[in-house]
Amino acid sequence: HIGLAALGAGLAVVGAAIGVGKIGGSAMDAIARQPEAAGKIQTAMIIAAALVEGVALFGVVAALLGVLTVPA
């Protein structure tokens, strides 16, 4: 059971890393195309990254709770 929790937590973290990487890359592309909108783009990027990290944390907690609540 612990291995499955580690796998679930790892997948949540890897998914978050990919998501934040895509958000950051897309924001840099957008800023390069329209530099005058950099402030608005950065604000939206930070909010989106925070939401992705929140979902990843929820996934890690859910994986660990799944192990703690399931009898052996």
PDB file of N, CA and C in Angstrom:
ATOM      1  N   HIS A   1       0.808  -1.202   0.000  1.00  0.00           N
ATOM      2  CA  HIS A   1       0.000   0.000   0.000  1.00  0.00           C
ATOM      3  C   HIS A   1       0.855   1.272   0.000  1.00  0.00           C
ATOM      4  N   ILE A   2       1.965   1.211   0.687  1.00  0.00           N
ATOM      5  CA  ILE A   2       2.815   2.398   0.757  1.00  0.00           C
ATOM      6  C   ILE A   2       3.409   2.713  -0.608  1.00  0.00           C
ATOM      7  N   GLY A   3       3.714   1.676  -1.369  1.00  0.00           N
ATOM      8  CA  GLY A   3       4.240   1.894  -2.715  1.00  0.00           C
ATOM      9  C   GLY A   3       3.235   2.597  -3.612  1.00  0.00           C
ATOM     10  N   LEU A   4       1.959   2.232  -3.465  1.00  0.00           N
ATOM     11  CA  LEU A   4       0.922   2.895  -4.257  1.00  0.00           C
ATOM     12  C   LEU A   4       0.767   4.360  -3.855  1.00  0.00           C
ATOM     13  N   ALA A   5       0.899   4.642  -2.563  1.00  0.00           N
ATOM     14  CA  ALA A   5       0.822   6.040  -2.114  1.00  0.00           C
ATOM     15  C   ALA A   5       1.983   6.836  -2.672  1.00  0.00           C
ATOM     16  N   ALA A   6       3.165   6.228  -2.662  1.00  0.00           N
ATOM     17  CA  ALA A   6       4.332   6.917  -3.212  1.00  0.00           C
ATOM     18  C   ALA A   6       4.153   7.157  -4.702  1.00  0.00           C
ATOM     19  N   LEU A   7       3.600   6.181  -5.400  1.00  0.00           N
ATOM     20  CA  LEU A   7       3.353   6.340  -6.831  1.00  0.00           C
ATOM     21  C   LEU A   7       2.333   7.444  -7.092  1.00  0.00           C
ATOM     22  N   GLY A   8       1.257   7.456  -6.321  1.00  0.00           N
ATOM     23  CA  GLY A   8       0.241   8.493  -6.483  1.00  0.00           C
ATOM     24  C   GLY A   8       0.771   9.877  -6.161  1.00  0.00           C
ATOM     25  N   ALA A   9       1.536   9.978  -5.088  1.00  0.00           N
ATOM     26  CA  ALA A   9       2.113  11.273  -4.720  1.00  0.00           C
ATOM     27  C   ALA A   9       3.108  11.725  -5.770  1.00  0.00           C
ATOM     28  N   GLY A  10       3.901  10.796  -6.275  1.00  0.00           N
ATOM     29  CA  GLY A  10       4.873  11.136  -7.318  1.00  0.00           C
ATOM     30  C   GLY A  10       4.207  11.606  -8.593  1.00  0.00           C
ATOM     31  N   LEU A  11       3.134  10.937  -8.981  1.00  0.00           N
ATOM     32  CA  LEU A  11       2.411  11.366 -10.183  1.00  0.00           C
ATOM     33  C   LEU A  11       1.809  12.758  -9.998  1.00  0.00           C
ATOM     34  N   ALA A  12       1.310  13.043  -8.806  1.00  0.00           N
ATOM     35  CA  ALA A  12       0.754  14.376  -8.552  1.00  0.00           C
ATOM     36  C   ALA A  12       1.832  15.444  -8.662  1.00  0.00           C
ATOM     37  N   VAL A  13       3.009  15.145  -8.129  1.00  0.00           N
ATOM     38  CA  VAL A  13       4.095  16.123  -8.163  1.00  0.00           C
ATOM     39  C   VAL A  13       4.618  16.307  -9.586  1.00  0.00           C
ATOM     40  N   VAL A  14       4.763  15.214 -10.322  1.00  0.00           N
ATOM     41  CA  VAL A  14       5.241  15.314 -11.708  1.00  0.00           C
ATOM     42  C   VAL A  14       4.222  16.073 -12.559  1.00  0.00           C
ATOM     43  N   GLY A  15       2.953  15.794 -12.359  1.00  0.00           N
ATOM     44  CA  GLY A  15       1.915  16.518 -13.096  1.00  0.00           C
ATOM     45  C   GLY A  15       1.945  18.006 -12.801  1.00  0.00           C
ATOM     46  N   ALA A  16       2.157  18.356 -11.538  1.00  0.00           N
ATOM     47  CA  ALA A  16       2.239  19.768 -11.178  1.00  0.00           C
ATOM     48  C   ALA A  16       3.457  20.422 -11.815  1.00  0.00           C
ATOM     49  N   ALA A  17       4.574  19.712 -11.828  1.00  0.00           N
ATOM     50  CA  ALA A  17       5.788  20.274 -12.425  1.00  0.00           C
ATOM     51  C   ALA A  17       5.594  20.525 -13.917  1.00  0.00           C
ATOM     52  N   ILE A  18       4.967  19.591 -14.594  1.00  0.00           N
ATOM     53  CA  ILE A  18       4.701  19.774 -16.020  1.00  0.00           C
ATOM     54  C   ILE A  18       3.753  20.956 -16.232  1.00  0.00           C
ATOM     55  N   GLY A  19       2.710  21.034 -15.408  1.00  0.00           N
ATOM     56  CA  GLY A  19       1.742  22.126 -15.534  1.00  0.00           C
ATOM     57  C   GLY A  19       2.356  23.489 -15.296  1.00  0.00           C
ATOM     58  N   VAL A  20       3.154  23.614 -14.246  1.00  0.00           N
ATOM     59  CA  VAL A  20       3.782  24.898 -13.943  1.00  0.00           C
ATOM     60  C   VAL A  20       4.788  25.250 -15.030  1.00  0.00           C
ATOM     61  N   GLY A  21       5.490  24.254 -15.558  1.00  0.00           N
ATOM     62  CA  GLY A  21       6.429  24.511 -16.650  1.00  0.00           C
ATOM     63  C   GLY A  21       5.731  25.033 -17.892  1.00  0.00           C
ATOM     64  N   LYS A  22       4.594  24.438 -18.217  1.00  0.00           N
ATOM     65  CA  LYS A  22       3.837  24.920 -19.379  1.00  0.00           C
ATOM     66  C   LYS A  22       3.291  26.319 -19.147  1.00  0.00           C
ATOM     67  N   ILE A  23       2.830  26.577 -17.934  1.00  0.00           N
ATOM     68  CA  ILE A  23       2.320  27.915 -17.610  1.00  0.00           C
ATOM     69  C   ILE A  23       3.432  28.951 -17.764  1.00  0.00           C
ATOM     70  N   GLY A  24       4.595  28.648 -17.199  1.00  0.00           N
ATOM     71  CA  GLY A  24       5.710  29.583 -17.275  1.00  0.00           C
ATOM     72  C   GLY A  24       6.183  29.807 -18.705  1.00  0.00           C
ATOM     73  N   GLY A  25       6.289  28.734 -19.475  1.00  0.00           N
ATOM     74  CA  GLY A  25       6.719  28.865 -20.863  1.00  0.00           C
ATOM     75  C   GLY A  25       5.741  29.666 -21.702  1.00  0.00           C
ATOM     76  N   SER A  26       4.468  29.395 -21.511  1.00  0.00           N
ATOM     77  CA  SER A  26       3.449  30.138 -22.260  1.00  0.00           C
ATOM     78  C   SER A  26       3.431  31.612 -21.867  1.00  0.00           C
ATOM     79  N   ALA A  27       3.649  31.873 -20.586  1.00  0.00           N
ATOM     80  CA  ALA A  27       3.681  33.271 -20.141  1.00  0.00           C
ATOM     81  C   ALA A  27       4.869  34.006 -20.752  1.00  0.00           C
ATOM     82  N   MET A  28       6.003  33.339 -20.826  1.00  0.00           N
ATOM     83  CA  MET A  28       7.182  33.989 -21.421  1.00  0.00           C
ATOM     84  C   MET A  28       6.953  34.261 -22.911  1.00  0.00           C
ATOM     85  N   ASP A  29       6.318  33.328 -23.593  1.00  0.00           N
ATOM     86  CA  ASP A  29       5.977  33.556 -25.003  1.00  0.00           C
ATOM     87  C   ASP A  29       5.036  34.750 -25.151  1.00  0.00           C
ATOM     88  N   ALA A  30       4.036  34.801 -24.273  1.00  0.00           N
ATOM     89  CA  ALA A  30       3.065  35.902 -24.349  1.00  0.00           C
ATOM     90  C   ALA A  30       3.725  37.242 -24.048  1.00  0.00           C
ATOM     91  N   ILE A  31       4.616  37.275 -23.075  1.00  0.00           N
ATOM     92  CA  ILE A  31       5.299  38.525 -22.740  1.00  0.00           C
ATOM     93  C   ILE A  31       6.219  38.942 -23.887  1.00  0.00           C
ATOM     94  N   ALA A  32       6.854  37.973 -24.537  1.00  0.00           N
ATOM     95  CA  ALA A  32       7.730  38.304 -25.661  1.00  0.00           C
ATOM     96  C   ALA A  32       6.931  38.896 -26.824  1.00  0.00           C
ATOM     97  N   ARG A  33       5.706  38.429 -27.008  1.00  0.00           N
ATOM     98  CA  ARG A  33       4.873  38.937 -28.106  1.00  0.00           C
ATOM     99  C   ARG A  33       4.222  40.270 -27.764  1.00  0.00           C
ATOM    100  N   GLN A  34       3.915  40.475 -26.490  1.00  0.00           N
ATOM    101  CA  GLN A  34       3.206  41.688 -26.090  1.00  0.00           C
ATOM    102  C   GLN A  34       3.785  42.202 -24.763  1.00  0.00           C
ATOM    103  N   PRO A  35       4.954  42.832 -24.808  1.00  0.00           N
ATOM    104  CA  PRO A  35       5.630  43.257 -23.576  1.00  0.00           C
ATOM    105  C   PRO A  35       4.843  44.244 -22.727  1.00  0.00           C
ATOM    106  N   GLU A  36       3.986  45.029 -23.337  1.00  0.00           N
ATOM    107  CA  GLU A  36       3.236  46.023 -22.559  1.00  0.00           C
ATOM    108  C   GLU A  36       2.207  45.369 -21.635  1.00  0.00           C
ATOM    109  N   ALA A  37       1.879  44.108 -21.868  1.00  0.00           N
ATOM    110  CA  ALA A  37       0.909  43.399 -21.030  1.00  0.00           C
ATOM    111  C   ALA A  37       1.592  42.491 -20.012  1.00  0.00           C
ATOM    112  N   ALA A  38       2.868  42.712 -19.770  1.00  0.00           N
ATOM    113  CA  ALA A  38       3.634  41.812 -18.900  1.00  0.00           C
ATOM    114  C   ALA A  38       3.040  41.718 -17.493  1.00  0.00           C
ATOM    115  N   GLY A  39       2.596  42.817 -16.942  1.00  0.00           N
ATOM    116  CA  GLY A  39       2.040  42.804 -15.588  1.00  0.00           C
ATOM    117  C   GLY A  39       0.809  41.927 -15.467  1.00  0.00           C
ATOM    118  N   LYS A  40      -0.104  42.077 -16.420  1.00  0.00           N
ATOM    119  CA  LYS A  40      -1.324  41.267 -16.391  1.00  0.00           C
ATOM    120  C   LYS A  40      -1.008  39.791 -16.631  1.00  0.00           C
ATOM    121  N   ILE A  41      -0.070  39.527 -17.524  1.00  0.00           N
ATOM    122  CA  ILE A  41       0.295  38.140 -17.826  1.00  0.00           C
ATOM    123  C   ILE A  41       0.938  37.491 -16.611  1.00  0.00           C
ATOM    124  N   GLN A  42       1.826  38.218 -15.936  1.00  0.00           N
ATOM    125  CA  GLN A  42       2.488  37.660 -14.751  1.00  0.00           C
ATOM    126  C   GLN A  42       1.487  37.382 -13.635  1.00  0.00           C
ATOM    127  N   THR A  43       0.532  38.273 -13.460  1.00  0.00           N
ATOM    128  CA  THR A  43      -0.483  38.063 -12.431  1.00  0.00           C
ATOM    129  C   THR A  43      -1.295  36.804 -12.717  1.00  0.00           C
ATOM    130  N   ALA A  44      -1.730  36.667 -13.959  1.00  0.00           N
ATOM    131  CA  ALA A  44      -2.495  35.479 -14.335  1.00  0.00           C
ATOM    132  C   ALA A  44      -1.649  34.220 -14.203  1.00  0.00           C
ATOM    133  N   MET A  45      -0.358  34.315 -14.545  1.00  0.00           N
ATOM    134  CA  MET A  45       0.536  33.167 -14.444  1.00  0.00           C
ATOM    135  C   MET A  45       0.688  32.728 -12.992  1.00  0.00           C
ATOM    136  N   ILE A  46       0.869  33.672 -12.090  1.00  0.00           N
ATOM    137  CA  ILE A  46       1.051  33.330 -10.678  1.00  0.00           C
ATOM    138  C   ILE A  46      -0.202  32.693 -10.105  1.00  0.00           C
ATOM    139  N   ILE A  47      -1.362  33.216 -10.454  1.00  0.00           N
ATOM    140  CA  ILE A  47      -2.618  32.636  -9.970  1.00  0.00           C
ATOM    141  C   ILE A  47      -2.792  31.222 -10.506  1.00  0.00           C
ATOM    142  N   ALA A  48      -2.539  31.018 -11.785  1.00  0.00           N
ATOM    143  CA  ALA A  48      -2.681  29.691 -12.372  1.00  0.00           C
ATOM    144  C   ALA A  48      -1.686  28.706 -11.760  1.00  0.00           C
ATOM    145  N   ALA A  49      -0.454  29.133 -11.542  1.00  0.00           N
ATOM    146  CA  ALA A  49       0.545  28.254 -10.936  1.00  0.00           C
ATOM    147  C   ALA A  49       0.148  27.883  -9.504  1.00  0.00           C
ATOM    148  N   ALA A  50      -0.400  28.836  -8.771  1.00  0.00           N
ATOM    149  CA  ALA A  50      -0.841  28.549  -7.406  1.00  0.00           C
ATOM    150  C   ALA A  50      -1.980  27.533  -7.402  1.00  0.00           C
ATOM    151  N   LEU A  51      -2.891  27.649  -8.345  1.00  0.00           N
ATOM    152  CA  LEU A  51      -3.984  26.679  -8.430  1.00  0.00           C
ATOM    153  C   LEU A  51      -3.472  25.286  -8.777  1.00  0.00           C
ATOM    154  N   VAL A  52      -2.517  25.213  -9.684  1.00  0.00           N
ATOM    155  CA  VAL A  52      -1.934  23.916 -10.047  1.00  0.00           C
ATOM    156  C   VAL A  52      -1.235  23.296  -8.834  1.00  0.00           C
ATOM    157  N   GLU A  53      -0.483  24.096  -8.097  1.00  0.00           N
ATOM    158  CA  GLU A  53       0.207  23.587  -6.917  1.00  0.00           C
ATOM    159  C   GLU A  53      -0.793  23.141  -5.854  1.00  0.00           C
ATOM    160  N   GLY A  54      -1.894  23.851  -5.728  1.00  0.00           N
ATOM    161  CA  GLY A  54      -2.928  23.453  -4.772  1.00  0.00           C
ATOM    162  C   GLY A  54      -3.525  22.106  -5.117  1.00  0.00           C
ATOM    163  N   VAL A  55      -3.784  21.883  -6.381  1.00  0.00           N
ATOM    164  CA  VAL A  55      -4.322  20.592  -6.816  1.00  0.00           C
ATOM    165  C   VAL A  55      -3.301  19.492  -6.587  1.00  0.00           C
ATOM    166  N   ALA A  56      -2.028  19.776  -6.824  1.00  0.00           N
ATOM    167  CA  ALA A  56      -0.983  18.776  -6.596  1.00  0.00           C
ATOM    168  C   ALA A  56      -0.891  18.424  -5.116  1.00  0.00           C
ATOM    169  N   LEU A  57      -0.972  19.422  -4.257  1.00  0.00           N
ATOM    170  CA  LEU A  57      -0.944  19.159  -2.822  1.00  0.00           C
ATOM    171  C   LEU A  57      -2.144  18.307  -2.414  1.00  0.00           C
ATOM    172  N   PHE A  58      -3.301  18.603  -2.971  1.00  0.00           N
ATOM    173  CA  PHE A  58      -4.489  17.801  -2.702  1.00  0.00           C
ATOM    174  C   PHE A  58      -4.268  16.353  -3.142  1.00  0.00           C
ATOM    175  N   GLY A  59      -3.635  16.162  -4.292  1.00  0.00           N
ATOM    176  CA  GLY A  59      -3.352  14.802  -4.772  1.00  0.00           C
ATOM    177  C   GLY A  59      -2.410  14.050  -3.856  1.00  0.00           C
ATOM    178  N   VAL A  60      -1.382  14.724  -3.354  1.00  0.00           N
ATOM    179  CA  VAL A  60      -0.439  14.086  -2.436  1.00  0.00           C
ATOM    180  C   VAL A  60      -1.143  13.709  -1.140  1.00  0.00           C
ATOM    181  N   VAL A  61      -1.934  14.615  -0.595  1.00  0.00           N
ATOM    182  CA  VAL A  61      -2.654  14.342   0.655  1.00  0.00           C
ATOM    183  C   VAL A  61      -3.641  13.202   0.450  1.00  0.00           C
ATOM    184  N   ALA A  62      -4.356  13.193  -0.663  1.00  0.00           N
ATOM    185  CA  ALA A  62      -5.312  12.120  -0.933  1.00  0.00           C
ATOM    186  C   ALA A  62      -4.598  10.777  -1.053  1.00  0.00           C
ATOM    187  N   ALA A  63      -3.439  10.744  -1.689  1.00  0.00           N
ATOM    188  CA  ALA A  63      -2.684   9.494  -1.810  1.00  0.00           C
ATOM    189  C   ALA A  63      -2.243   8.989  -0.443  1.00  0.00           C
ATOM    190  N   LEU A  64      -1.757   9.898   0.386  1.00  0.00           N
ATOM    191  CA  LEU A  64      -1.315   9.485   1.716  1.00  0.00           C
ATOM    192  C   LEU A  64      -2.479   9.083   2.611  1.00  0.00           C
ATOM    193  N   LEU A  65      -3.590   9.783   2.519  1.00  0.00           N
ATOM    194  CA  LEU A  65      -4.767   9.413   3.311  1.00  0.00           C
ATOM    195  C   LEU A  65      -5.315   8.071   2.864  1.00  0.00           C
ATOM    196  N   GLY A  66      -5.217   7.778   1.589  1.00  0.00           N
ATOM    197  CA  GLY A  66      -5.667   6.481   1.098  1.00  0.00           C
ATOM    198  C   GLY A  66      -4.905   5.343   1.755  1.00  0.00           C
ATOM    199  N   VAL A  67      -3.639   5.535   1.995  1.00  0.00           N
ATOM    200  CA  VAL A  67      -2.833   4.503   2.644  1.00  0.00           C
ATOM    201  C   VAL A  67      -3.154   4.413   4.126  1.00  0.00           C
ATOM    202  N   LEU A  68      -3.346   5.547   4.761  1.00  0.00           N
ATOM    203  CA  LEU A  68      -3.572   5.543   6.207  1.00  0.00           C
ATOM    204  C   LEU A  68      -4.940   5.014   6.579  1.00  0.00           C
ATOM    205  N   THR A  69      -5.921   5.148   5.701  1.00  0.00           N
ATOM    206  CA  THR A  69      -7.279   4.750   6.049  1.00  0.00           C
ATOM    207  C   THR A  69      -7.634   3.348   5.585  1.00  0.00           C
ATOM    208  N   VAL A  70      -6.867   2.763   4.681  1.00  0.00           N
ATOM    209  CA  VAL A  70      -7.156   1.422   4.182  1.00  0.00           C
ATOM    210  C   VAL A  70      -6.476   0.409   5.098  1.00  0.00           C
ATOM    211  N   PRO A  71      -7.241  -0.549   5.648  1.00  0.00           N
ATOM    212  CA  PRO A  71      -6.600  -1.549   6.503  1.00  0.00           C
ATOM    213  C   PRO A  71      -5.654  -2.446   5.709  1.00  0.00           C
ATOM    214  N   ALA A  72      -4.609  -2.894   6.372  1.00  0.00           N
ATOM    215  CA  ALA A  72      -3.579  -3.715   5.708  1.00  0.00           C
ATOM    216  C   ALA A  72      -4.011  -5.090   5.375  1.00  0.00           C
TER     217      ALA A  72
END
